[in-house]
Protein backbone atom coordinates (compact mmCIF):
# COMPACT_ATOMS: atom_id res chain seq x y z
CA MET A 1 112.37 89.84 85.19
CA GLY A 2 109.25 91.96 83.68
CA TYR A 3 107.70 94.30 86.55
CA GLN A 4 104.42 95.75 87.30
CA PRO A 5 104.26 98.88 89.01
CA PRO A 6 101.72 99.40 91.42
CA GLN A 7 98.99 100.73 89.53
CA GLU A 8 99.36 97.80 87.16
CA ILE A 9 99.38 95.41 90.31
CA ILE A 10 95.73 96.85 90.97
CA ALA A 11 94.75 96.47 87.56
CA SER A 12 95.95 92.83 87.64
CA VAL A 13 94.22 92.18 90.93
CA ASN A 14 90.79 93.45 89.77
CA ARG A 15 90.60 91.39 86.73
CA ALA A 16 91.60 88.29 89.17
CA GLY A 17 88.66 89.58 91.72
CA GLN A 18 86.04 89.68 88.99
CA SER A 19 86.88 86.10 88.16
CA LYS A 20 86.70 84.88 91.91
CA ALA A 21 83.18 86.82 92.19
CA GLN A 22 82.16 84.45 88.76
CA MET A 23 83.62 81.20 89.83
CA ASP A 24 80.60 78.78 90.94
CA ILE A 25 80.06 76.90 94.00
CA ILE A 26 81.84 73.44 92.94
CA ARG A 27 84.65 74.92 91.37
CA THR A 28 85.63 77.26 94.11
CA LEU A 29 85.12 74.49 96.80
CA ALA A 30 87.69 72.10 94.68
CA MET A 31 89.98 74.73 93.77
CA GLY A 32 89.73 75.74 97.83
CA PHE A 33 90.32 72.14 98.53
CA LEU A 34 93.77 72.31 96.33
CA ALA A 35 94.66 75.10 98.46
CA GLY A 36 94.32 73.52 101.84
CA ALA A 37 96.25 70.75 100.68
CA PHE A 38 99.29 73.04 99.08
CA ILE A 39 99.27 74.96 102.13
CA ALA A 40 99.36 71.62 104.37
CA PHE A 41 102.20 70.29 102.16
CA GLY A 42 104.03 73.47 103.10
CA GLY A 43 103.30 72.78 106.60
CA LEU A 44 104.60 69.05 106.39
CA LEU A 45 107.70 70.56 104.95
CA ALA A 46 108.35 72.76 107.51
CA LEU A 47 107.41 70.21 110.21
CA VAL A 48 110.01 67.57 109.10
CA VAL A 49 112.58 70.12 108.29
CA GLY A 50 112.21 72.50 111.09
CA GLY A 51 111.65 70.03 113.75
CA GLY A 52 114.46 67.38 112.81
CA VAL A 53 117.00 70.15 113.97
CA PRO A 54 116.59 69.95 117.90
CA GLY A 55 120.15 70.53 118.60
CA ILE A 56 120.28 73.73 116.19
CA ALA A 57 116.81 74.83 118.21
CA ALA A 58 118.61 74.82 121.34
CA GLY A 59 121.36 76.26 120.66
CA ASN A 60 120.10 78.91 118.35
CA PRO A 61 116.05 79.42 118.22
CA GLY A 62 116.30 82.05 115.94
CA LEU A 63 118.13 79.81 112.99
CA GLN A 64 115.69 77.23 113.78
CA LYS A 65 112.78 79.39 113.11
CA PHE A 66 114.39 80.94 110.02
CA ILE A 67 114.68 77.38 108.81
CA PHE A 68 110.96 76.29 109.46
CA GLY A 69 109.68 79.33 107.63
CA ALA A 70 112.49 78.77 104.58
CA VAL A 71 110.73 75.81 103.60
CA PHE A 72 106.87 76.65 104.37
CA PRO A 73 106.33 78.88 101.33
CA VAL A 74 106.33 76.22 98.78
CA GLY A 75 102.50 75.97 99.73
CA LEU A 76 101.66 79.55 98.49
CA MET A 77 104.18 79.06 95.35
CA LEU A 78 102.01 76.37 94.30
CA VAL A 79 98.75 77.97 95.49
CA VAL A 80 99.79 80.99 93.12
CA ILE A 81 101.65 79.45 90.15
CA ALA A 82 99.56 76.34 89.62
CA GLY A 83 96.30 77.68 90.84
CA ALA A 84 94.03 77.76 93.99
CA GLU A 85 91.68 79.13 95.90
CA LEU A 86 93.14 80.09 98.99
CA PHE A 87 90.74 82.32 102.02
CA THR A 88 93.37 84.16 103.17
CA GLY A 89 94.64 85.54 99.53
CA ASN A 90 91.08 85.70 98.60
CA THR A 91 90.40 88.46 101.77
CA ALA A 92 92.59 90.95 99.88
CA ILE A 93 92.10 90.66 96.41
CA SER A 94 88.54 91.18 95.68
CA ILE A 95 88.52 94.05 97.98
CA PRO A 96 89.32 96.85 95.29
CA GLY A 97 86.45 95.64 93.06
CA VAL A 98 84.18 95.57 96.07
CA LEU A 99 85.31 99.00 97.31
CA SER A 100 85.02 100.44 93.68
CA GLY A 101 81.30 98.85 93.40
CA THR A 102 82.16 96.38 90.58
CA ILE A 103 82.21 93.29 92.83
CA PRO A 104 79.23 92.77 95.24
CA TRP A 105 80.02 92.52 98.99
CA THR A 106 78.06 89.00 98.78
CA ALA A 107 80.03 87.33 96.23
CA TRP A 108 83.16 88.58 97.85
CA LEU A 109 81.36 86.99 101.35
CA LYS A 110 80.67 84.14 99.30
CA ASN A 111 84.03 83.52 97.85
CA LEU A 112 85.49 83.93 101.36
CA ALA A 113 83.05 81.24 102.77
CA LEU A 114 83.58 78.26 100.28
CA SER A 115 87.33 78.86 99.91
CA TYR A 116 87.43 78.42 103.70
CA LEU A 117 85.31 75.30 103.64
CA GLY A 118 87.81 74.13 100.73
CA ASN A 119 90.80 75.07 102.65
CA PHE A 120 89.67 72.82 105.42
CA ALA A 121 88.73 69.96 103.76
CA GLY A 122 92.12 69.85 101.83
CA ALA A 123 93.99 70.43 104.86
CA ILE A 124 92.31 67.79 107.04
CA PHE A 125 92.88 65.36 103.73
CA VAL A 126 96.68 65.90 104.19
CA VAL A 127 96.64 66.01 108.11
CA PHE A 128 95.29 62.20 107.95
CA PHE A 129 96.00 60.63 105.21
CA LEU A 130 99.64 61.89 103.99
CA ALA A 131 100.75 63.09 107.60
CA TYR A 132 99.55 60.67 110.27
CA GLN A 133 98.59 57.68 108.27
CA THR A 134 101.61 57.54 106.93
CA GLY A 135 103.78 58.12 110.25
CA LEU A 136 106.02 60.59 109.05
CA LEU A 137 106.12 62.39 112.16
CA ALA A 138 105.97 59.65 114.66
CA ALA A 139 109.57 59.04 115.64
CA GLU A 140 111.42 61.58 117.82
CA PRO A 141 112.34 64.84 117.27
CA TRP A 142 109.41 65.40 115.60
CA LEU A 143 106.62 63.83 117.50
CA ASP A 144 107.08 66.06 120.53
CA PHE A 145 107.63 68.50 118.26
CA THR A 146 104.41 68.36 116.34
CA ARG A 147 102.68 68.15 119.57
CA ASN A 148 104.14 71.53 121.01
CA VAL A 149 103.29 73.48 117.84
CA ALA A 150 99.60 72.19 118.27
CA GLN A 151 99.57 73.40 121.90
CA ALA A 152 101.52 76.36 121.90
CA LYS A 153 99.00 77.67 118.92
CA VAL A 154 95.78 77.17 121.20
CA SER A 155 97.31 78.45 124.57
CA ALA A 156 97.70 82.34 123.49
CA GLY A 157 94.63 84.81 124.35
CA PHE A 158 91.79 85.90 121.98
CA GLY A 159 93.62 89.22 121.77
CA VAL A 160 97.15 88.01 120.79
CA LEU A 161 96.06 85.28 118.35
CA PHE A 162 94.18 88.00 116.53
CA LEU A 163 97.03 90.40 116.33
CA LYS A 164 99.44 87.73 115.15
CA GLY A 165 96.53 86.66 112.58
CA LEU A 166 96.32 90.48 111.48
CA GLY A 167 100.26 90.37 110.98
CA CYS A 168 100.33 87.30 109.09
CA ASN A 169 97.85 88.24 106.76
CA TRP A 170 99.09 91.85 105.84
CA LEU A 171 102.46 89.68 104.81
CA VAL A 172 100.39 86.76 103.05
CA CYS A 173 98.87 89.29 100.96
CA LEU A 174 101.79 91.41 100.33
CA SER A 175 103.47 88.50 99.00
CA ILE A 176 100.43 88.06 96.64
CA TRP A 177 100.88 91.56 95.44
CA LEU A 178 104.83 90.94 94.82
CA ALA A 179 103.67 87.77 92.79
CA VAL A 180 101.19 89.24 90.73
CA ALA A 181 104.02 92.04 90.11
CA SER A 182 106.15 89.71 88.45
CA ASP A 183 105.68 88.75 84.82
CA ASP A 184 107.66 85.27 85.15
CA ILE A 185 108.01 82.30 87.14
CA ALA A 186 111.54 83.29 89.29
CA GLY A 187 110.02 86.42 90.16
CA LYS A 188 106.71 85.44 91.54
CA ILE A 189 108.80 82.68 93.74
CA LEU A 190 110.88 85.39 95.07
CA GLY A 191 108.00 87.27 95.56
CA ILE A 192 106.49 85.12 97.69
CA TRP A 193 109.55 83.53 99.49
CA PHE A 194 110.14 86.56 101.32
CA PRO A 195 107.34 87.84 103.22
CA ILE A 196 106.12 84.41 103.84
CA MET A 197 109.30 83.23 105.11
CA ALA A 198 109.31 86.29 107.47
CA PHE A 199 105.85 85.55 108.89
CA VAL A 200 106.27 82.07 109.72
CA ALA A 201 109.75 82.80 111.43
CA LEU A 202 107.87 85.68 113.46
CA GLY A 203 105.65 83.37 114.61
CA PHE A 204 102.37 85.22 113.21
CA GLU A 205 99.21 82.85 112.76
CA HIS A 206 97.84 81.67 108.97
CA SER A 207 94.24 80.10 109.68
CA ILE A 208 94.47 77.58 106.81
CA ALA A 209 98.08 76.24 107.79
CA ASN A 210 96.65 76.12 111.59
CA MET A 211 94.00 73.79 109.84
CA PHE A 212 96.93 71.39 109.17
CA PHE A 213 99.10 72.20 112.15
CA ILE A 214 96.85 71.76 115.29
CA PRO A 215 94.56 68.79 114.09
CA LEU A 216 97.83 66.92 113.09
CA GLY A 217 99.09 67.63 116.50
CA LYS A 218 96.02 66.38 118.11
CA CYS A 219 96.19 63.14 115.73
CA TYR A 220 99.82 62.51 117.36
CA GLY A 221 98.19 63.09 120.95
CA ALA A 222 98.55 66.77 121.72
CA ALA A 223 96.64 68.04 124.30
CA VAL A 224 93.90 70.08 122.49
CA THR A 225 90.50 69.46 121.63
CA TRP A 226 88.14 70.43 118.92
CA TYR A 227 87.00 73.34 120.95
CA ASP A 228 90.81 74.65 121.13
CA ILE A 229 91.12 74.27 117.53
CA PHE A 230 87.93 76.22 116.26
CA VAL A 231 87.22 78.61 119.00
CA ALA A 232 90.66 79.34 120.92
CA ASN A 233 92.69 79.34 117.79
CA LEU A 234 90.70 79.37 114.46
CA LEU A 235 88.44 81.96 115.53
CA PRO A 236 90.92 84.85 116.61
CA VAL A 237 93.17 84.09 113.81
CA THR A 238 90.25 83.91 111.04
CA LEU A 239 89.32 87.41 112.24
CA GLY A 240 93.03 88.69 112.41
CA ASN A 241 93.55 87.44 108.90
CA ILE A 242 90.74 89.09 107.58
CA VAL A 243 91.20 92.35 108.58
CA GLY A 244 94.89 92.01 107.59
CA GLY A 245 94.08 91.50 104.36
CA SER A 246 91.22 93.20 103.42
CA VAL A 247 92.24 96.31 105.37
CA PHE A 248 95.78 96.74 105.20
CA VAL A 249 96.35 95.30 101.96
CA GLY A 250 93.14 95.38 99.52
CA ALA A 251 91.82 98.47 101.02
CA PHE A 252 95.05 100.74 101.62
CA TYR A 253 95.89 99.91 98.13
CA TRP A 254 92.66 100.68 96.65
CA PHE A 255 92.73 103.78 98.42
CA VAL A 256 95.90 104.98 96.67
CA TYR A 257 95.57 103.38 93.39
CA ASP A 258 92.04 102.59 92.17
CA ARG A 259 89.93 105.11 94.61
CA GLN A 260 88.00 107.22 92.05
CA PRO A 261 87.86 110.82 93.46
CA ASP A 262 84.98 113.00 93.86
CA ARG A 263 84.96 115.20 90.77
CA ARG A 264 81.80 116.87 91.13
CA GLU A 265 81.44 120.08 88.74
CA ASP A 266 81.46 123.40 90.47
CA SER A 267 77.65 124.34 90.58
CA ARG A 268 78.37 127.85 90.87
CA SER A 269 77.49 129.59 88.02
CA PRO A 270 80.66 132.20 86.91
CA GLY A 271 78.22 134.91 85.63
CA ASN A 272 76.09 135.38 88.59
CA PRO A 273 77.94 137.97 90.81
CA THR A 274 75.51 137.03 93.70
CA GLU A 275 76.98 133.83 94.22
CA PRO A 276 79.88 133.89 96.38
């Protein structure tokens, strides 16, 4: 497997960031729709597989969390390899360019806003047409499991969800860094799988995945409102995702590998004996 060292990862990320900054509105929304749908596919698979093992969940909850997390990464694999605009990954990808001054802050914020809207549309499409209208989760044990997932996600406090969102996107963006580091598809899949499996099994919170999990639970009768979805969960999780990706991945790796130090020449004249 070919491998890029961290310095080359930053160079590749900068090229991707430039491309995202120049993408027009319609393309960003369209690619955002695909990313939201891809993440929702991973979420749907996780509910079907992870929610279909109540015996394991009762006797070994850690194993059930692992099973749930083990299949979810298919969504990000589709995003990275097939190509799509995912809000959470975009929080980090353009940051080195923004901090270096090669990408305007406004272009980064525009990309985040458009990809977020597109992600929501794609996730809701899968919720209603592919997960609810098909009745894939309408029978037990999936029905109760789907409701419980949604209700649990809106019951935690703002601070807890913010921190879970931070931890989630730290791992998500690291998975993108690992995917960029690999030159072949097998390496990209492995690089994506481990961090994504980890954040899901740990119970961290991903804003785009929650655009799927919580509305789907609501469709199936979970005791959640749209206020719960947008304010109680998506607001703190989204803010945490932004900090986790932009600061703990994008900014940190820019600081270590891409920051240009201040190399101002010494203004002192060596021939002037009066200068200290």
